[in-house]
C-alpha atoms as a PDB file:
ATOM      1  CA  MET A   1     110.895  97.078 122.839  1.00  0.00           C
ATOM      2  CA  ILE A   2     110.087  93.922 120.919  1.00  0.00           C
ATOM      3  CA  GLY A   3     110.640  90.512 122.483  1.00  0.00           C
ATOM      4  CA  ALA A   4     112.833  87.774 121.021  1.00  0.00           C
ATOM      5  CA  ASP A   5     109.727  86.234 119.441  1.00  0.00           C
ATOM      6  CA  GLY A   6     108.864  89.537 117.697  1.00  0.00           C
ATOM      7  CA  ALA A   7     105.985  90.271 120.060  1.00  0.00           C
ATOM      8  CA  ILE A   8     105.572  93.465 122.058  1.00  0.00           C
ATOM      9  CA  PRO A   9     105.480  92.350 125.710  1.00  0.00           C
ATOM     10  CA  TRP A  10     102.757  94.787 126.732  1.00  0.00           C
ATOM     11  CA  ARG A  11      99.381  95.837 125.376  1.00  0.00           C
ATOM     12  CA  LEU A  12      98.611  99.410 124.338  1.00  0.00           C
ATOM     13  CA  LYS A  13      95.568  99.063 122.104  1.00  0.00           C
ATOM     14  CA  THR A  14      94.550 102.694 122.665  1.00  0.00           C
ATOM     15  CA  ASP A  15      97.953 103.789 121.354  1.00  0.00           C
ATOM     16  CA  MET A  16      97.620 101.483 118.335  1.00  0.00           C
ATOM     17  CA  LYS A  17      94.237 103.083 117.520  1.00  0.00           C
ATOM     18  CA  HIS A  18      95.785 106.542 117.870  1.00  0.00           C
ATOM     19  CA  PHE A  19      98.723 105.545 115.642  1.00  0.00           C
ATOM     20  CA  ARG A  20      96.322 104.242 113.003  1.00  0.00           C
ATOM     21  CA  ALA A  21      94.281 107.465 113.075  1.00  0.00           C
ATOM     22  CA  VAL A  22      97.384 109.679 112.817  1.00  0.00           C
ATOM     23  CA  THR A  23      98.994 107.721 109.955  1.00  0.00           C
ATOM     24  CA  MET A  24      95.976 106.562 107.933  1.00  0.00           C
ATOM     25  CA  GLY A  25      96.089 107.715 104.325  1.00  0.00           C
ATOM     26  CA  LYS A  26      99.670 108.967 104.633  1.00  0.00           C
ATOM     27  CA  PRO A  27     102.961 107.539 103.429  1.00  0.00           C
ATOM     28  CA  VAL A  28     104.841 105.821 106.268  1.00  0.00           C
ATOM     29  CA  VAL A  29     108.643 105.607 106.212  1.00  0.00           C
ATOM     30  CA  MET A  30     110.247 102.926 108.342  1.00  0.00           C
ATOM     31  CA  GLY A  31     113.482 101.057 108.779  1.00  0.00           C
ATOM     32  CA  ARG A  32     113.893  97.396 107.944  1.00  0.00           C
ATOM     33  CA  LYS A  33     113.662  96.249 111.585  1.00  0.00           C
ATOM     34  CA  THR A  34     110.341  98.050 111.963  1.00  0.00           C
ATOM     35  CA  TRP A  35     109.184  96.479 108.691  1.00  0.00           C
ATOM     36  CA  ASP A  36     110.222  93.042 109.978  1.00  0.00           C
ATOM     37  CA  SER A  37     108.111  93.570 113.121  1.00  0.00           C
ATOM     38  CA  LEU A  38     104.941  94.017 111.034  1.00  0.00           C
ATOM     39  CA  LYS A  39     102.769  91.261 109.605  1.00  0.00           C
ATOM     40  CA  GLY A  40     102.791  92.981 106.207  1.00  0.00           C
ATOM     41  CA  PRO A  41     102.143  96.428 104.740  1.00  0.00           C
ATOM     42  CA  LEU A  42     100.070  98.753 106.890  1.00  0.00           C
ATOM     43  CA  PRO A  43      96.721  99.024 105.098  1.00  0.00           C
ATOM     44  CA  GLY A  44      95.575 102.412 103.816  1.00  0.00           C
ATOM     45  CA  ARG A  45      99.109 103.818 103.826  1.00  0.00           C
ATOM     46  CA  ASP A  46     101.997 103.862 101.343  1.00  0.00           C
ATOM     47  CA  ASN A  47     104.682 101.748 103.044  1.00  0.00           C
ATOM     48  CA  ILE A  48     108.276 102.839 102.372  1.00  0.00           C
ATOM     49  CA  VAL A  49     111.155 100.827 103.832  1.00  0.00           C
ATOM     50  CA  LEU A  50     114.650 102.221 104.262  1.00  0.00           C
ATOM     51  CA  THR A  51     117.346  99.517 104.240  1.00  0.00           C
ATOM     52  CA  ARG A  52     120.915  98.828 103.175  1.00  0.00           C
ATOM     53  CA  ASP A  53     119.788  95.349 102.081  1.00  0.00           C
ATOM     54  CA  ALA A  54     119.456  95.692  98.293  1.00  0.00           C
ATOM     55  CA  SER A  55     117.932  92.206  98.087  1.00  0.00           C
ATOM     56  CA  LEU A  56     114.859  93.081 100.186  1.00  0.00           C
ATOM     57  CA  LYS A  57     111.727  92.473  98.146  1.00  0.00           C
ATOM     58  CA  ALA A  58     108.475  93.232  99.887  1.00  0.00           C
ATOM     59  CA  PRO A  59     105.183  93.111  98.004  1.00  0.00           C
ATOM     60  CA  GLY A  60     103.197  96.303  98.439  1.00  0.00           C
ATOM     61  CA  VAL A  61     106.095  98.476  99.620  1.00  0.00           C
ATOM     62  CA  TRP A  62     108.720 100.760  98.149  1.00  0.00           C
ATOM     63  CA  VAL A  63     112.273  99.930  99.225  1.00  0.00           C
ATOM     64  CA  HIS A  64     115.036 102.570  99.262  1.00  0.00           C
ATOM     65  CA  ALA A  65     118.660 102.608 100.378  1.00  0.00           C
ATOM     66  CA  SER A  66     118.863 106.270 101.433  1.00  0.00           C
ATOM     67  CA  LEU A  67     116.758 108.549 103.589  1.00  0.00           C
ATOM     68  CA  ASP A  68     116.688 111.138 100.803  1.00  0.00           C
ATOM     69  CA  ALA A  69     115.286 108.589  98.331  1.00  0.00           C
ATOM     70  CA  ALA A  70     112.750 107.274 100.868  1.00  0.00           C
ATOM     71  CA  LEU A  71     111.523 110.782 101.707  1.00  0.00           C
ATOM     72  CA  ALA A  72     111.363 111.774  98.022  1.00  0.00           C
ATOM     73  CA  CYS A  73     109.227 108.689  97.372  1.00  0.00           C
ATOM     74  CA  ALA A  74     107.032 109.555 100.369  1.00  0.00           C
ATOM     75  CA  GLU A  75     106.616 113.153  99.177  1.00  0.00           C
ATOM     76  CA  GLY A  76     105.510 111.917  95.747  1.00  0.00           C
ATOM     77  CA  GLN A  77     103.034 109.510  97.315  1.00  0.00           C
ATOM     78  CA  ALA A  78     101.720 112.248  99.632  1.00  0.00           C
ATOM     79  CA  ARG A  79     101.111 114.536  96.643  1.00  0.00           C
ATOM     80  CA  ALA A  80      99.330 111.699  94.815  1.00  0.00           C
ATOM     81  CA  ARG A  81      97.128 111.052  97.862  1.00  0.00           C
ATOM     82  CA  GLY A  82      96.508 114.765  98.454  1.00  0.00           C
ATOM     83  CA  VAL A  83      97.899 114.684 101.991  1.00  0.00           C
ATOM     84  CA  ASP A  84     100.299 117.133 103.582  1.00  0.00           C
ATOM     85  CA  GLU A  85     102.149 114.869 106.008  1.00  0.00           C
ATOM     86  CA  ILE A  86     104.572 111.976 105.828  1.00  0.00           C
ATOM     87  CA  SER A  87     104.864 109.728 108.875  1.00  0.00           C
ATOM     88  CA  VAL A  88     108.273 108.441 109.918  1.00  0.00           C
ATOM     89  CA  ILE A  89     107.401 105.464 112.133  1.00  0.00           C
ATOM     90  CA  GLY A  90     110.750 104.125 113.278  1.00  0.00           C
ATOM     91  CA  GLY A  91     112.994 102.708 114.392  1.00  0.00           C
ATOM     92  CA  ALA A  92     115.466 104.659 116.462  1.00  0.00           C
ATOM     93  CA  GLN A  93     118.069 105.141 113.700  1.00  0.00           C
ATOM     94  CA  ILE A  94     115.428 106.388 111.266  1.00  0.00           C
ATOM     95  CA  TYR A  95     114.019 108.796 113.873  1.00  0.00           C
ATOM     96  CA  GLU A  96     117.511 110.136 114.539  1.00  0.00           C
ATOM     97  CA  ALA A  97     118.277 110.576 110.825  1.00  0.00           C
ATOM     98  CA  ALA A  98     114.957 112.295 110.046  1.00  0.00           C
ATOM     99  CA  MET A  99     114.731 114.510 113.143  1.00  0.00           C
ATOM    100  CA  ALA A 100     116.347 117.591 111.554  1.00  0.00           C
ATOM    101  CA  ARG A 101     113.633 117.559 108.855  1.00  0.00           C
ATOM    102  CA  ALA A 102     110.674 116.956 111.154  1.00  0.00           C
ATOM    103  CA  GLU A 103     108.102 119.717 111.491  1.00  0.00           C
ATOM    104  CA  ARG A 104     105.669 117.887 113.771  1.00  0.00           C
ATOM    105  CA  ILE A 105     105.958 114.999 116.204  1.00  0.00           C
ATOM    106  CA  TYR A 106     103.070 112.861 117.413  1.00  0.00           C
ATOM    107  CA  LEU A 107     104.436 111.499 120.671  1.00  0.00           C
ATOM    108  CA  THR A 108     102.931 108.996 123.077  1.00  0.00           C
ATOM    109  CA  ASP A 109     104.209 109.118 126.651  1.00  0.00           C
ATOM    110  CA  VAL A 110     103.492 105.771 128.299  1.00  0.00           C
ATOM    111  CA  ASP A 111     103.116 105.790 132.078  1.00  0.00           C
ATOM    112  CA  ALA A 112     105.627 102.992 132.669  1.00  0.00           C
ATOM    113  CA  GLU A 113     109.298 102.278 133.112  1.00  0.00           C
ATOM    114  CA  ILE A 114     110.121 100.067 130.137  1.00  0.00           C
ATOM    115  CA  VAL A 115     113.443  98.337 129.680  1.00  0.00           C
ATOM    116  CA  GLY A 116     114.576  98.507 126.073  1.00  0.00           C
ATOM    117  CA  ASP A 117     117.519  98.879 123.761  1.00  0.00           C
ATOM    118  CA  ALA A 118     116.185 101.514 121.339  1.00  0.00           C
ATOM    119  CA  TRP A 119     115.035 105.006 122.252  1.00  0.00           C
ATOM    120  CA  PHE A 120     113.402 107.973 120.592  1.00  0.00           C
ATOM    121  CA  PRO A 121     115.937 110.828 120.343  1.00  0.00           C
ATOM    122  CA  ALA A 122     116.022 113.446 123.101  1.00  0.00           C
ATOM    123  CA  LEU A 123     114.086 116.554 122.127  1.00  0.00           C
ATOM    124  CA  ASP A 124     115.456 120.063 122.622  1.00  0.00           C
ATOM    125  CA  PRO A 125     112.604 121.996 124.302  1.00  0.00           C
ATOM    126  CA  ALA A 126     113.873 125.202 122.678  1.00  0.00           C
ATOM    127  CA  LEU A 127     112.946 123.722 119.265  1.00  0.00           C
ATOM    128  CA  TRP A 128     109.498 122.262 120.006  1.00  0.00           C
ATOM    129  CA  ARG A 129     106.169 123.626 121.226  1.00  0.00           C
ATOM    130  CA  GLU A 130     103.403 121.376 122.487  1.00  0.00           C
ATOM    131  CA  SER A 131     100.267 122.215 120.496  1.00  0.00           C
ATOM    132  CA  GLU A 132      98.018 119.426 121.724  1.00  0.00           C
ATOM    133  CA  ARG A 133      97.816 117.056 124.707  1.00  0.00           C
ATOM    134  CA  SER A 134      95.316 114.339 125.519  1.00  0.00           C
ATOM    135  CA  ALA A 135      95.459 111.926 128.453  1.00  0.00           C
ATOM    136  CA  ALA A 136      94.296 108.357 127.910  1.00  0.00           C
ATOM    137  CA  PRO A 137      93.768 106.240 131.016  1.00  0.00           C
ATOM    138  CA  ALA A 138      94.540 102.557 130.646  1.00  0.00           C
ATOM    139  CA  GLY A 139      91.554 100.866 129.041  1.00  0.00           C
ATOM    140  CA  PRO A 140      90.679  97.166 129.176  1.00  0.00           C
ATOM    141  CA  ASP A 141      93.213  96.382 126.426  1.00  0.00           C
ATOM    142  CA  ASP A 142      95.999  98.601 127.768  1.00  0.00           C
ATOM    143  CA  ASP A 143      98.637  97.687 130.308  1.00  0.00           C
ATOM    144  CA  HIS A 144      99.447 101.358 131.007  1.00  0.00           C
ATOM    145  CA  ALA A 145      97.932 104.825 130.854  1.00  0.00           C
ATOM    146  CA  MET A 146      99.359 107.202 128.250  1.00  0.00           C
ATOM    147  CA  VAL A 147      99.406 110.812 127.109  1.00  0.00           C
ATOM    148  CA  PHE A 148      99.229 111.756 123.425  1.00  0.00           C
ATOM    149  CA  ARG A 149     101.145 114.913 122.609  1.00  0.00           C
ATOM    150  CA  THR A 150     101.573 116.854 119.382  1.00  0.00           C
ATOM    151  CA  LEU A 151     104.766 118.883 119.145  1.00  0.00           C
ATOM    152  CA  ASP A 152     105.382 121.488 116.453  1.00  0.00           C
ATOM    153  CA  ARG A 153     108.804 122.848 115.514  1.00  0.00           C
ATOM    154  CA  ILE A 154     109.210 126.450 116.629  1.00  0.00           C
END
Protein backbone atom coordinates (compact mmCIF):
# COMPACT_ATOMS: atom_id res chain seq x y z
CA MET A 1 0.00 0.00 0.00
CA ILE A 2 1.20 3.49 -0.81
CA GLY A 3 -0.04 6.47 1.19
CA ALA A 4 -1.80 9.50 -0.29
CA ASP A 5 1.56 11.31 -0.37
CA GLY A 6 3.14 8.47 -2.40
CA ALA A 7 5.13 7.18 0.56
CA ILE A 8 5.06 3.61 1.84
CA PRO A 9 3.88 3.87 5.46
CA TRP A 10 6.26 1.23 6.78
CA ARG A 11 9.95 0.46 6.43
CA LEU A 12 11.23 -2.80 4.95
CA LYS A 13 14.81 -2.01 3.99
CA THR A 14 15.81 -5.69 4.05
CA ASP A 15 13.10 -6.41 1.48
CA MET A 16 14.26 -3.48 -0.68
CA LYS A 17 17.81 -4.91 -0.65
CA HIS A 18 16.45 -8.34 -1.60
CA PHE A 19 14.35 -6.82 -4.40
CA ARG A 20 17.39 -4.99 -5.74
CA ALA A 21 19.49 -8.18 -5.70
CA VAL A 22 16.78 -10.23 -7.45
CA THR A 23 16.08 -7.65 -10.18
CA MET A 24 19.52 -6.12 -10.78
CA GLY A 25 20.66 -6.42 -14.38
CA LYS A 26 17.26 -7.66 -15.56
CA PRO A 27 14.47 -5.94 -17.45
CA VAL A 28 11.66 -4.88 -15.10
CA VAL A 29 8.08 -4.60 -16.37
CA MET A 30 5.71 -2.44 -14.36
CA GLY A 31 2.40 -0.67 -14.63
CA ARG A 32 2.07 3.09 -14.74
CA LYS A 33 1.02 3.38 -11.07
CA THR A 34 4.14 1.49 -10.01
CA TRP A 35 6.21 3.74 -12.29
CA ASP A 36 4.60 6.82 -10.70
CA SER A 37 5.59 5.56 -7.23
CA LEU A 38 9.29 5.55 -8.19
CA LYS A 39 11.64 8.52 -8.18
CA GLY A 40 12.84 7.61 -11.68
CA PRO A 41 14.13 4.57 -13.56
CA LEU A 42 15.53 1.79 -11.40
CA PRO A 43 19.29 1.88 -11.99
CA GLY A 44 20.99 -1.15 -13.53
CA ARG A 45 17.74 -2.47 -15.00
CA ASP A 46 15.83 -1.91 -18.25
CA ASN A 47 12.62 -0.19 -17.12
CA ILE A 48 9.51 -1.05 -19.17
CA VAL A 49 6.20 0.63 -18.35
CA LEU A 50 2.85 -0.77 -19.42
CA THR A 51 0.15 1.91 -19.74
CA ARG A 52 -2.91 2.88 -21.76
CA ASP A 53 -1.70 6.50 -21.63
CA ALA A 54 -0.13 7.01 -25.07
CA SER A 55 1.17 10.43 -24.00
CA LEU A 56 3.43 9.06 -21.24
CA LYS A 57 7.02 10.06 -21.94
CA ALA A 58 9.56 8.88 -19.42
CA PRO A 59 13.27 9.37 -20.03
CA GLY A 60 15.20 6.13 -19.67
CA VAL A 61 12.21 3.79 -20.02
CA TRP A 62 10.35 1.94 -22.74
CA VAL A 63 6.60 2.56 -22.75
CA HIS A 64 4.14 0.02 -24.21
CA ALA A 65 0.36 -0.21 -24.40
CA SER A 66 0.05 -4.01 -24.29
CA LEU A 67 1.46 -6.75 -22.11
CA ASP A 68 2.60 -8.65 -25.21
CA ALA A 69 4.57 -5.63 -26.46
CA ALA A 70 6.06 -4.96 -23.00
CA LEU A 71 7.15 -8.58 -22.58
CA ALA A 72 8.57 -8.72 -26.13
CA CYS A 73 10.61 -5.60 -25.34
CA ALA A 74 11.75 -7.16 -22.05
CA GLU A 75 12.75 -10.40 -23.79
CA GLY A 76 14.84 -8.44 -26.30
CA GLN A 77 16.52 -6.49 -23.52
CA ALA A 78 17.16 -9.70 -21.55
CA ARG A 79 18.85 -11.26 -24.59
CA ALA A 80 20.96 -8.11 -25.06
CA ARG A 81 22.00 -8.20 -21.39
CA GLY A 82 22.62 -11.96 -21.44
CA VAL A 83 20.14 -12.66 -18.64
CA ASP A 84 17.51 -15.37 -18.51
CA GLU A 85 14.83 -13.68 -16.41
CA ILE A 86 12.43 -10.78 -16.75
CA SER A 87 11.02 -9.27 -13.56
CA VAL A 88 7.39 -8.20 -13.46
CA ILE A 89 7.30 -5.81 -10.49
CA GLY A 90 3.69 -4.71 -10.26
CA GLY A 91 1.12 -3.55 -9.67
CA ALA A 92 -1.77 -5.88 -9.02
CA GLN A 93 -3.29 -5.69 -12.53
CA ILE A 94 0.07 -6.39 -14.15
CA TYR A 95 0.70 -9.35 -11.82
CA GLU A 96 -2.73 -10.75 -12.66
CA ALA A 97 -2.21 -10.33 -16.42
CA ALA A 98 1.28 -11.88 -16.40
CA MET A 99 0.61 -14.74 -13.96
CA ALA A 100 -0.21 -17.36 -16.63
CA ARG A 101 3.23 -16.76 -18.20
CA ALA A 102 5.23 -16.74 -14.97
CA GLU A 103 7.72 -19.54 -14.41
CA ARG A 104 9.15 -18.31 -11.11
CA ILE A 105 7.91 -16.04 -8.35
CA TYR A 106 10.11 -14.28 -5.81
CA LEU A 107 7.67 -13.66 -2.98
CA THR A 108 8.15 -11.79 0.27
CA ASP A 109 5.79 -12.69 3.10
CA VAL A 110 5.72 -9.81 5.58
CA ASP A 111 4.84 -10.69 9.17
CA ALA A 112 2.11 -8.06 9.49
CA GLU A 113 -1.54 -7.40 8.83
CA ILE A 114 -1.48 -4.57 6.30
CA VAL A 115 -4.56 -2.73 5.16
CA GLY A 116 -4.44 -2.06 1.43
CA ASP A 117 -6.44 -1.86 -1.75
CA ALA A 118 -4.23 -3.90 -4.10
CA TRP A 119 -3.23 -7.53 -3.64
CA PHE A 120 -0.97 -10.07 -5.26
CA PRO A 121 -3.11 -12.75 -6.96
CA ALA A 122 -3.93 -15.92 -5.02
CA LEU A 123 -1.60 -18.76 -5.95
CA ASP A 124 -2.84 -22.27 -6.71
CA PRO A 125 -0.58 -24.58 -4.64
CA ALA A 126 -1.05 -27.32 -7.25
CA LEU A 127 0.85 -25.12 -9.76
CA TRP A 128 3.77 -23.92 -7.61
CA ARG A 129 6.59 -25.57 -5.68
CA GLU A 130 8.65 -23.71 -3.12
CA SER A 131 12.31 -24.13 -4.08
CA GLU A 132 13.86 -21.72 -1.60
CA ARG A 133 12.93 -20.09 1.72
CA SER A 134 14.86 -17.66 3.88
CA ALA A 135 13.62 -15.97 7.05
CA ALA A 136 14.68 -12.39 7.72
CA PRO A 137 14.03 -11.03 11.20
CA ALA A 138 13.20 -7.35 11.41
CA GLY A 139 16.44 -5.39 11.30
CA PRO A 140 17.00 -1.83 12.51
CA ASP A 141 15.46 -0.41 9.32
CA ASP A 142 12.53 -2.83 9.14
CA ASP A 143 9.15 -2.47 10.80
CA HIS A 144 8.38 -6.19 10.37
CA ALA A 145 10.07 -9.55 9.98
CA MET A 146 9.72 -11.26 6.60
CA VAL A 147 10.27 -14.52 4.75
CA PHE A 148 11.70 -14.61 1.22
CA ARG A 149 10.35 -17.47 -0.85
CA THR A 150 11.12 -18.63 -4.38
CA LEU A 151 8.31 -20.51 -6.09
CA ASP A 152 8.77 -22.43 -9.34
CA ARG A 153 5.93 -23.49 -11.63
CA ILE A 154 5.40 -27.24 -11.53
